Amino acid sequence: MTALRVAVLYGSGFESGHGSSLATESSRLGEVLARPEGVAAVDIISVGMPARPLRRGEHLDLSDVDPGAGDALVRRFGGERLRRRLAGSPLGRLLNSIGPLDAGRVFARRVRRSPAARAALRRADIVIAVDSAGVIVAATALRRRHVREAYYDTRSAVVGLGEVAGS
């Protein structure tokens, strides 16, 4: 069995509360990914997450990657302020999720505009979306057969890596 290469997607930014276990506390996922047996390298692709020391692999922070002219235009006319205001209610969150300011869509555009992030996904055997914003990128990588497996939350990632790594 050859060692795996894993890409971990953390797309919602450091300020969000959901999925932040990898960034703010010791997580089971972090322990599994740091184990030397069975995992050749771990690449973390994130927006605004502080870099973690990794023995193998790299951390790609896409904070400086421009998601596109459309995003700049929406921000210029107060779209970000509207998104924050809508986030305070269930209906507003639903509207945010179907619009261009959805965190997953913005993250997907950042990944598409980053050659290093696209290359990391193509090298990966497994992709893990630690938060909901990474799901679009993980699903796209799986659908395009860039990766063999994709997991969509911290718990399924730990179970999946445990099975693949033989523990």
N, C-alpha and C. Protein backbone atom coordinates (compact mmCIF):
# COMPACT_ATOMS: atom_id res chain seq x y z
N MET A 1 0.85 -1.18 0.00
CA MET A 1 0.00 0.00 0.00
C MET A 1 0.89 1.24 0.00
N THR A 2 0.65 2.12 -0.95
CA THR A 2 1.43 3.34 -1.01
C THR A 2 0.83 4.38 -0.07
N ALA A 3 1.68 5.24 0.41
CA ALA A 3 1.23 6.29 1.32
C ALA A 3 0.35 7.28 0.56
N LEU A 4 -0.61 7.82 1.26
CA LEU A 4 -1.58 8.72 0.66
C LEU A 4 -1.15 10.17 0.75
N ARG A 5 -1.66 10.94 -0.17
CA ARG A 5 -1.51 12.39 -0.11
C ARG A 5 -2.91 12.95 0.13
N VAL A 6 -3.03 13.83 1.12
CA VAL A 6 -4.33 14.32 1.56
C VAL A 6 -4.37 15.84 1.39
N ALA A 7 -5.49 16.35 0.90
CA ALA A 7 -5.74 17.79 0.84
C ALA A 7 -6.88 18.10 1.80
N VAL A 8 -6.66 19.05 2.69
CA VAL A 8 -7.68 19.48 3.65
C VAL A 8 -8.14 20.87 3.26
N LEU A 9 -9.45 21.03 3.09
CA LEU A 9 -10.04 22.29 2.66
C LEU A 9 -10.70 22.99 3.84
N TYR A 10 -10.31 24.21 4.09
CA TYR A 10 -10.88 25.01 5.16
C TYR A 10 -11.27 26.34 4.54
N GLY A 11 -12.48 26.41 4.00
CA GLY A 11 -12.84 27.53 3.15
C GLY A 11 -13.59 28.68 3.75
N SER A 12 -14.06 28.56 4.98
CA SER A 12 -14.94 29.62 5.49
C SER A 12 -14.21 30.74 6.18
N GLY A 13 -12.91 30.68 6.26
CA GLY A 13 -12.16 31.75 6.90
C GLY A 13 -12.06 31.54 8.39
N PHE A 14 -11.10 32.18 8.99
CA PHE A 14 -10.82 31.97 10.41
C PHE A 14 -11.89 32.53 11.33
N GLU A 15 -12.66 33.52 10.86
CA GLU A 15 -13.63 34.14 11.76
C GLU A 15 -14.85 33.27 12.00
N SER A 16 -15.09 32.26 11.19
CA SER A 16 -16.30 31.47 11.37
C SER A 16 -16.13 30.49 12.51
N GLY A 17 -17.23 30.16 13.14
CA GLY A 17 -17.19 29.26 14.29
C GLY A 17 -17.28 27.80 13.90
N HIS A 18 -18.05 27.47 12.85
CA HIS A 18 -18.22 26.07 12.52
C HIS A 18 -16.98 25.53 11.80
N GLY A 19 -16.61 24.32 12.16
CA GLY A 19 -15.47 23.69 11.51
C GLY A 19 -14.12 24.23 11.94
N SER A 20 -14.07 24.98 13.02
CA SER A 20 -12.81 25.62 13.38
C SER A 20 -11.93 24.77 14.28
N SER A 21 -12.27 23.51 14.49
CA SER A 21 -11.48 22.70 15.41
C SER A 21 -10.04 22.54 14.93
N LEU A 22 -9.82 22.46 13.63
CA LEU A 22 -8.46 22.28 13.13
C LEU A 22 -7.61 23.53 13.40
N ALA A 23 -8.23 24.69 13.42
CA ALA A 23 -7.47 25.93 13.58
C ALA A 23 -7.29 26.32 15.04
N THR A 24 -8.23 25.98 15.91
CA THR A 24 -8.21 26.58 17.24
C THR A 24 -7.95 25.60 18.38
N GLU A 25 -8.05 24.33 18.16
CA GLU A 25 -7.84 23.38 19.24
C GLU A 25 -7.30 22.08 18.68
N SER A 26 -6.82 21.25 19.57
CA SER A 26 -6.32 19.96 19.15
C SER A 26 -7.51 19.11 18.69
N SER A 27 -7.49 18.66 17.47
CA SER A 27 -8.60 17.87 16.95
C SER A 27 -8.13 16.47 16.61
N ARG A 28 -9.04 15.54 16.61
CA ARG A 28 -8.72 14.16 16.23
C ARG A 28 -8.26 14.13 14.78
N LEU A 29 -8.87 14.95 13.95
CA LEU A 29 -8.47 15.02 12.54
C LEU A 29 -7.02 15.46 12.41
N GLY A 30 -6.63 16.47 13.16
CA GLY A 30 -5.24 16.91 13.13
C GLY A 30 -4.29 15.82 13.56
N GLU A 31 -4.66 15.04 14.58
CA GLU A 31 -3.81 13.94 15.05
C GLU A 31 -3.67 12.86 13.98
N VAL A 32 -4.78 12.52 13.32
CA VAL A 32 -4.73 11.49 12.28
C VAL A 32 -3.86 11.95 11.12
N LEU A 33 -4.02 13.19 10.72
CA LEU A 33 -3.25 13.69 9.59
C LEU A 33 -1.77 13.83 9.91
N ALA A 34 -1.42 14.02 11.18
CA ALA A 34 -0.02 14.20 11.57
C ALA A 34 0.71 12.87 11.75
N ARG A 35 -0.01 11.76 11.76
CA ARG A 35 0.64 10.45 11.95
C ARG A 35 1.54 10.13 10.76
N PRO A 36 2.72 9.60 11.02
CA PRO A 36 3.65 9.32 9.92
C PRO A 36 3.26 8.10 9.07
N GLU A 37 2.56 7.14 9.64
CA GLU A 37 2.27 5.94 8.87
C GLU A 37 1.05 6.13 7.98
N GLY A 38 1.20 5.76 6.74
CA GLY A 38 0.08 5.76 5.82
C GLY A 38 -0.21 7.08 5.12
N VAL A 39 0.29 8.18 5.58
CA VAL A 39 0.02 9.47 4.95
C VAL A 39 1.36 10.07 4.50
N ALA A 40 1.52 10.22 3.19
CA ALA A 40 2.78 10.75 2.65
C ALA A 40 2.88 12.25 2.88
N ALA A 41 1.79 12.97 2.65
CA ALA A 41 1.82 14.43 2.80
C ALA A 41 0.41 14.94 3.00
N VAL A 42 0.34 16.08 3.65
CA VAL A 42 -0.92 16.77 3.90
C VAL A 42 -0.78 18.19 3.41
N ASP A 43 -1.68 18.59 2.54
CA ASP A 43 -1.72 19.97 2.08
C ASP A 43 -2.99 20.60 2.63
N ILE A 44 -2.86 21.74 3.27
CA ILE A 44 -4.02 22.47 3.78
C ILE A 44 -4.26 23.66 2.87
N ILE A 45 -5.48 23.76 2.36
CA ILE A 45 -5.88 24.87 1.51
C ILE A 45 -6.94 25.63 2.29
N SER A 46 -6.64 26.88 2.65
CA SER A 46 -7.55 27.63 3.52
C SER A 46 -7.63 29.09 3.12
N VAL A 47 -8.55 29.78 3.80
CA VAL A 47 -8.66 31.22 3.67
C VAL A 47 -8.55 31.80 5.07
N GLY A 48 -7.45 32.45 5.35
CA GLY A 48 -7.29 33.15 6.62
C GLY A 48 -6.95 32.30 7.82
N MET A 49 -6.70 31.03 7.64
CA MET A 49 -6.36 30.17 8.76
C MET A 49 -4.87 30.30 9.07
N PRO A 50 -4.51 30.50 10.33
CA PRO A 50 -3.09 30.58 10.67
C PRO A 50 -2.37 29.29 10.29
N ALA A 51 -1.17 29.41 9.79
CA ALA A 51 -0.41 28.23 9.36
C ALA A 51 -0.11 27.32 10.54
N ARG A 52 -0.27 26.03 10.30
CA ARG A 52 0.06 25.02 11.30
C ARG A 52 1.37 24.37 10.89
N PRO A 53 2.21 24.01 11.84
CA PRO A 53 3.45 23.32 11.46
C PRO A 53 3.13 21.91 10.96
N LEU A 54 3.56 21.62 9.76
CA LEU A 54 3.34 20.30 9.15
C LEU A 54 4.70 19.69 8.82
N ARG A 55 4.84 18.42 9.15
CA ARG A 55 6.10 17.74 8.81
C ARG A 55 6.24 17.53 7.32
N ARG A 56 5.14 17.19 6.68
CA ARG A 56 5.14 16.97 5.23
C ARG A 56 3.92 17.67 4.65
N GLY A 57 4.11 18.30 3.52
CA GLY A 57 3.01 19.00 2.88
C GLY A 57 3.15 20.50 3.04
N GLU A 58 2.16 21.22 2.56
CA GLU A 58 2.23 22.67 2.61
C GLU A 58 0.88 23.26 2.99
N HIS A 59 0.94 24.48 3.48
CA HIS A 59 -0.27 25.22 3.80
C HIS A 59 -0.42 26.34 2.79
N LEU A 60 -1.51 26.32 2.05
CA LEU A 60 -1.78 27.35 1.06
C LEU A 60 -2.89 28.25 1.59
N ASP A 61 -2.55 29.48 1.92
CA ASP A 61 -3.55 30.44 2.38
C ASP A 61 -3.99 31.26 1.18
N LEU A 62 -5.26 31.15 0.83
CA LEU A 62 -5.78 31.82 -0.36
C LEU A 62 -6.37 33.19 -0.06
N SER A 63 -6.05 33.75 1.11
CA SER A 63 -6.60 35.05 1.48
C SER A 63 -6.25 36.14 0.47
N ASP A 64 -5.06 36.05 -0.11
CA ASP A 64 -4.63 37.08 -1.04
C ASP A 64 -5.03 36.80 -2.49
N VAL A 65 -5.64 35.64 -2.74
CA VAL A 65 -6.07 35.31 -4.09
C VAL A 65 -7.39 36.03 -4.36
N ASP A 66 -7.41 36.81 -5.41
CA ASP A 66 -8.62 37.56 -5.78
C ASP A 66 -9.63 36.60 -6.40
N PRO A 67 -10.84 36.50 -5.83
CA PRO A 67 -11.82 35.57 -6.39
C PRO A 67 -12.42 36.04 -7.70
N GLY A 68 -12.17 37.26 -8.11
CA GLY A 68 -12.64 37.70 -9.42
C GLY A 68 -13.23 39.08 -9.42
N ALA A 69 -13.44 39.60 -10.62
CA ALA A 69 -13.97 40.96 -10.79
C ALA A 69 -15.40 41.05 -10.28
N GLY A 70 -16.17 40.02 -10.47
CA GLY A 70 -17.56 40.02 -9.98
C GLY A 70 -17.62 40.20 -8.47
N ASP A 71 -16.73 39.51 -7.76
CA ASP A 71 -16.68 39.64 -6.30
C ASP A 71 -16.27 41.04 -5.88
N ALA A 72 -15.32 41.62 -6.59
CA ALA A 72 -14.89 42.99 -6.28
C ALA A 72 -16.03 43.97 -6.49
N LEU A 73 -16.80 43.77 -7.53
CA LEU A 73 -17.93 44.65 -7.82
C LEU A 73 -19.01 44.53 -6.73
N VAL A 74 -19.31 43.31 -6.34
CA VAL A 74 -20.32 43.09 -5.29
C VAL A 74 -19.85 43.71 -3.97
N ARG A 75 -18.56 43.55 -3.64
CA ARG A 75 -18.03 44.15 -2.40
C ARG A 75 -18.09 45.67 -2.46
N ARG A 76 -17.78 46.20 -3.63
CA ARG A 76 -17.75 47.67 -3.78
C ARG A 76 -19.12 48.28 -3.52
N PHE A 77 -20.18 47.57 -3.88
CA PHE A 77 -21.52 48.10 -3.71
C PHE A 77 -22.22 47.56 -2.46
N GLY A 78 -21.44 47.15 -1.46
CA GLY A 78 -22.01 46.79 -0.16
C GLY A 78 -22.50 45.37 -0.02
N GLY A 79 -22.10 44.49 -0.89
CA GLY A 79 -22.55 43.11 -0.84
C GLY A 79 -22.12 42.39 0.43
N GLU A 80 -20.92 42.66 0.89
CA GLU A 80 -20.42 42.00 2.12
C GLU A 80 -21.22 42.46 3.33
N ARG A 81 -21.55 43.73 3.37
CA ARG A 81 -22.37 44.26 4.47
C ARG A 81 -23.76 43.61 4.45
N LEU A 82 -24.33 43.46 3.26
CA LEU A 82 -25.64 42.82 3.12
C LEU A 82 -25.55 41.35 3.54
N ARG A 83 -24.47 40.67 3.14
CA ARG A 83 -24.30 39.26 3.51
C ARG A 83 -24.27 39.10 5.02
N ARG A 84 -23.52 39.97 5.71
CA ARG A 84 -23.44 39.89 7.18
C ARG A 84 -24.79 40.16 7.82
N ARG A 85 -25.52 41.10 7.27
CA ARG A 85 -26.84 41.42 7.83
C ARG A 85 -27.81 40.25 7.62
N LEU A 86 -27.80 39.66 6.45
CA LEU A 86 -28.69 38.53 6.17
C LEU A 86 -28.33 37.30 7.00
N ALA A 87 -27.07 37.17 7.38
CA ALA A 87 -26.62 35.99 8.13
C ALA A 87 -27.28 35.88 9.51
N GLY A 88 -27.97 36.91 9.95
CA GLY A 88 -28.59 36.90 11.27
C GLY A 88 -29.92 36.18 11.35
N SER A 89 -30.46 35.74 10.22
CA SER A 89 -31.75 35.04 10.26
C SER A 89 -31.70 33.81 9.36
N PRO A 90 -32.56 32.82 9.63
CA PRO A 90 -32.57 31.61 8.79
C PRO A 90 -32.88 31.92 7.32
N LEU A 91 -33.84 32.77 7.08
CA LEU A 91 -34.17 33.12 5.70
C LEU A 91 -33.00 33.86 5.03
N GLY A 92 -32.35 34.74 5.77
CA GLY A 92 -31.20 35.45 5.25
C GLY A 92 -30.05 34.51 4.91
N ARG A 93 -29.81 33.52 5.78
CA ARG A 93 -28.75 32.54 5.48
C ARG A 93 -29.08 31.74 4.23
N LEU A 94 -30.37 31.42 4.04
CA LEU A 94 -30.78 30.72 2.82
C LEU A 94 -30.51 31.59 1.60
N LEU A 95 -30.86 32.85 1.67
CA LEU A 95 -30.59 33.76 0.54
C LEU A 95 -29.09 33.88 0.28
N ASN A 96 -28.30 33.96 1.35
CA ASN A 96 -26.84 34.01 1.17
C ASN A 96 -26.33 32.76 0.47
N SER A 97 -26.90 31.60 0.81
CA SER A 97 -26.37 30.34 0.28
C SER A 97 -26.64 30.17 -1.22
N ILE A 98 -27.62 30.88 -1.75
CA ILE A 98 -27.91 30.73 -3.18
C ILE A 98 -27.35 31.89 -4.00
N GLY A 99 -26.69 32.81 -3.35
CA GLY A 99 -26.15 33.97 -4.06
C GLY A 99 -24.66 33.86 -4.29
N PRO A 100 -24.10 34.87 -4.93
CA PRO A 100 -22.68 34.85 -5.27
C PRO A 100 -21.76 35.03 -4.06
N LEU A 101 -22.30 35.46 -2.92
CA LEU A 101 -21.47 35.66 -1.74
C LEU A 101 -21.41 34.44 -0.83
N ASP A 102 -21.99 33.35 -1.25
CA ASP A 102 -21.92 32.10 -0.49
C ASP A 102 -20.44 31.76 -0.28
N ALA A 103 -20.08 31.44 0.96
CA ALA A 103 -18.67 31.17 1.29
C ALA A 103 -18.09 30.04 0.44
N GLY A 104 -18.87 29.03 0.15
CA GLY A 104 -18.40 27.92 -0.67
C GLY A 104 -18.09 28.34 -2.10
N ARG A 105 -18.95 29.18 -2.65
CA ARG A 105 -18.73 29.65 -4.02
C ARG A 105 -17.52 30.59 -4.11
N VAL A 106 -17.39 31.44 -3.11
CA VAL A 106 -16.23 32.35 -3.09
C VAL A 106 -14.94 31.53 -2.96
N PHE A 107 -14.95 30.52 -2.07
CA PHE A 107 -13.77 29.67 -1.89
C PHE A 107 -13.46 28.91 -3.18
N ALA A 108 -14.49 28.39 -3.84
CA ALA A 108 -14.27 27.66 -5.10
C ALA A 108 -13.65 28.58 -6.15
N ARG A 109 -14.09 29.82 -6.21
CA ARG A 109 -13.48 30.75 -7.18
C ARG A 109 -12.03 31.04 -6.83
N ARG A 110 -11.72 31.15 -5.53
CA ARG A 110 -10.33 31.37 -5.12
C ARG A 110 -9.46 30.18 -5.51
N VAL A 111 -9.97 28.96 -5.30
CA VAL A 111 -9.21 27.76 -5.66
C VAL A 111 -8.99 27.72 -7.17
N ARG A 112 -10.01 28.02 -7.95
CA ARG A 112 -9.87 28.02 -9.41
C ARG A 112 -8.83 29.03 -9.88
N ARG A 113 -8.66 30.13 -9.18
CA ARG A 113 -7.71 31.18 -9.58
C ARG A 113 -6.31 30.96 -9.01
N SER A 114 -6.12 29.89 -8.23
CA SER A 114 -4.81 29.62 -7.64
C SER A 114 -4.19 28.37 -8.27
N PRO A 115 -3.17 28.53 -9.09
CA PRO A 115 -2.51 27.36 -9.69
C PRO A 115 -1.96 26.40 -8.63
N ALA A 116 -1.44 26.93 -7.52
CA ALA A 116 -0.89 26.07 -6.47
C ALA A 116 -1.98 25.23 -5.82
N ALA A 117 -3.15 25.82 -5.58
CA ALA A 117 -4.25 25.08 -4.96
C ALA A 117 -4.78 24.01 -5.93
N ARG A 118 -4.91 24.35 -7.19
CA ARG A 118 -5.37 23.35 -8.18
C ARG A 118 -4.38 22.20 -8.28
N ALA A 119 -3.09 22.51 -8.26
CA ALA A 119 -2.07 21.46 -8.32
C ALA A 119 -2.12 20.58 -7.08
N ALA A 120 -2.32 21.17 -5.91
CA ALA A 120 -2.42 20.37 -4.67
C ALA A 120 -3.60 19.42 -4.73
N LEU A 121 -4.72 19.87 -5.28
CA LEU A 121 -5.89 18.99 -5.40
C LEU A 121 -5.62 17.86 -6.39
N ARG A 122 -4.93 18.15 -7.47
CA ARG A 122 -4.64 17.10 -8.46
C ARG A 122 -3.66 16.06 -7.92
N ARG A 123 -2.77 16.48 -7.00
CA ARG A 123 -1.81 15.54 -6.40
C ARG A 123 -2.46 14.67 -5.32
N ALA A 124 -3.57 15.12 -4.76
CA ALA A 124 -4.18 14.45 -3.61
C ALA A 124 -4.88 13.15 -3.99
N ASP A 125 -4.85 12.21 -3.05
CA ASP A 125 -5.63 10.99 -3.17
C ASP A 125 -6.99 11.16 -2.48
N ILE A 126 -6.97 11.88 -1.37
CA ILE A 126 -8.17 12.11 -0.56
C ILE A 126 -8.29 13.61 -0.33
N VAL A 127 -9.50 14.12 -0.42
CA VAL A 127 -9.76 15.52 -0.08
C VAL A 127 -10.78 15.54 1.05
N ILE A 128 -10.54 16.44 2.01
CA ILE A 128 -11.40 16.55 3.18
C ILE A 128 -11.89 17.99 3.29
N ALA A 129 -13.20 18.17 3.26
CA ALA A 129 -13.79 19.48 3.49
C ALA A 129 -14.10 19.57 4.98
N VAL A 130 -13.33 20.36 5.71
CA VAL A 130 -13.49 20.46 7.16
C VAL A 130 -14.71 21.31 7.50
N ASP A 131 -15.12 22.20 6.60
CA ASP A 131 -16.30 23.03 6.84
C ASP A 131 -17.17 23.04 5.59
N SER A 132 -18.36 23.60 5.72
CA SER A 132 -19.30 23.56 4.60
C SER A 132 -18.81 24.34 3.39
N ALA A 133 -17.97 25.34 3.59
CA ALA A 133 -17.47 26.13 2.45
C ALA A 133 -16.56 25.31 1.54
N GLY A 134 -15.93 24.27 2.06
CA GLY A 134 -15.05 23.44 1.25
C GLY A 134 -15.75 22.35 0.47
N VAL A 135 -17.04 22.16 0.71
CA VAL A 135 -17.77 21.06 0.09
C VAL A 135 -17.82 21.18 -1.43
N ILE A 136 -18.05 22.37 -1.96
CA ILE A 136 -18.14 22.54 -3.41
C ILE A 136 -16.82 22.12 -4.07
N VAL A 137 -15.71 22.55 -3.49
CA VAL A 137 -14.40 22.22 -4.06
C VAL A 137 -14.14 20.71 -3.95
N ALA A 138 -14.47 20.10 -2.81
CA ALA A 138 -14.27 18.67 -2.64
C ALA A 138 -15.13 17.87 -3.62
N ALA A 139 -16.39 18.25 -3.76
CA ALA A 139 -17.28 17.54 -4.67
C ALA A 139 -16.82 17.68 -6.12
N THR A 140 -16.35 18.87 -6.48
CA THR A 140 -15.86 19.08 -7.84
C THR A 140 -14.62 18.23 -8.11
N ALA A 141 -13.70 18.18 -7.15
CA ALA A 141 -12.48 17.37 -7.32
C ALA A 141 -12.83 15.89 -7.47
N LEU A 142 -13.81 15.41 -6.71
CA LEU A 142 -14.23 14.01 -6.81
C LEU A 142 -14.92 13.76 -8.15
N ARG A 143 -15.81 14.64 -8.54
CA ARG A 143 -16.55 14.48 -9.79
C ARG A 143 -15.60 14.48 -10.99
N ARG A 144 -14.56 15.29 -10.93
CA ARG A 144 -13.60 15.36 -12.04
C ARG A 144 -12.51 14.30 -11.93
N ARG A 145 -12.62 13.46 -10.92
CA ARG A 145 -11.70 12.34 -10.67
C ARG A 145 -10.26 12.80 -10.42
N HIS A 146 -10.11 13.99 -9.82
CA HIS A 146 -8.79 14.43 -9.38
C HIS A 146 -8.39 13.67 -8.12
N VAL A 147 -9.38 13.22 -7.34
CA VAL A 147 -9.14 12.49 -6.09
C VAL A 147 -9.94 11.20 -6.11
N ARG A 148 -9.49 10.22 -5.30
CA ARG A 148 -10.21 8.95 -5.20
C ARG A 148 -11.38 9.02 -4.24
N GLU A 149 -11.21 9.78 -3.16
CA GLU A 149 -12.23 9.85 -2.12
C GLU A 149 -12.36 11.28 -1.63
N ALA A 150 -13.57 11.61 -1.17
CA ALA A 150 -13.82 12.93 -0.58
C ALA A 150 -14.68 12.74 0.66
N TYR A 151 -14.34 13.47 1.71
CA TYR A 151 -15.10 13.45 2.95
C TYR A 151 -15.51 14.88 3.26
N TYR A 152 -16.68 15.03 3.86
CA TYR A 152 -17.27 16.34 3.96
C TYR A 152 -17.42 16.92 5.35
N ASP A 153 -16.89 16.28 6.36
CA ASP A 153 -16.85 16.89 7.69
C ASP A 153 -15.77 16.23 8.52
N THR A 154 -15.50 16.81 9.66
CA THR A 154 -14.39 16.34 10.48
C THR A 154 -14.57 14.89 10.89
N ARG A 155 -15.75 14.49 11.32
CA ARG A 155 -15.95 13.10 11.77
C ARG A 155 -15.76 12.09 10.65
N SER A 156 -16.36 12.33 9.49
CA SER A 156 -16.21 11.36 8.41
C SER A 156 -14.77 11.33 7.91
N ALA A 157 -14.07 12.44 8.00
CA ALA A 157 -12.67 12.47 7.58
C ALA A 157 -11.83 11.59 8.49
N VAL A 158 -12.06 11.66 9.80
CA VAL A 158 -11.29 10.84 10.74
C VAL A 158 -11.57 9.37 10.50
N VAL A 159 -12.85 9.02 10.34
CA VAL A 159 -13.20 7.62 10.08
C VAL A 159 -12.60 7.15 8.78
N GLY A 160 -12.74 7.97 7.73
CA GLY A 160 -12.22 7.59 6.41
C GLY A 160 -10.72 7.43 6.40
N LEU A 161 -9.99 8.35 6.99
CA LEU A 161 -8.54 8.24 7.02
C LEU A 161 -8.10 7.07 7.88
N GLY A 162 -8.81 6.83 8.98
CA GLY A 162 -8.49 5.69 9.83
C GLY A 162 -8.61 4.37 9.08
N GLU A 163 -9.67 4.25 8.26
CA GLU A 163 -9.85 3.03 7.48
C GLU A 163 -8.77 2.89 6.42
N VAL A 164 -8.49 3.96 5.71
CA VAL A 164 -7.51 3.91 4.62
C VAL A 164 -6.11 3.67 5.16
N ALA A 165 -5.77 4.28 6.29
CA ALA A 165 -4.43 4.16 6.86
C ALA A 165 -4.25 2.83 7.61
N GLY A 166 -5.34 2.07 7.76
CA GLY A 166 -5.22 0.75 8.38
C GLY A 166 -5.26 0.76 9.90
N SER A 167 -5.86 1.79 10.51
CA SER A 167 -5.94 1.78 11.97
C SER A 167 -7.36 1.65 12.44
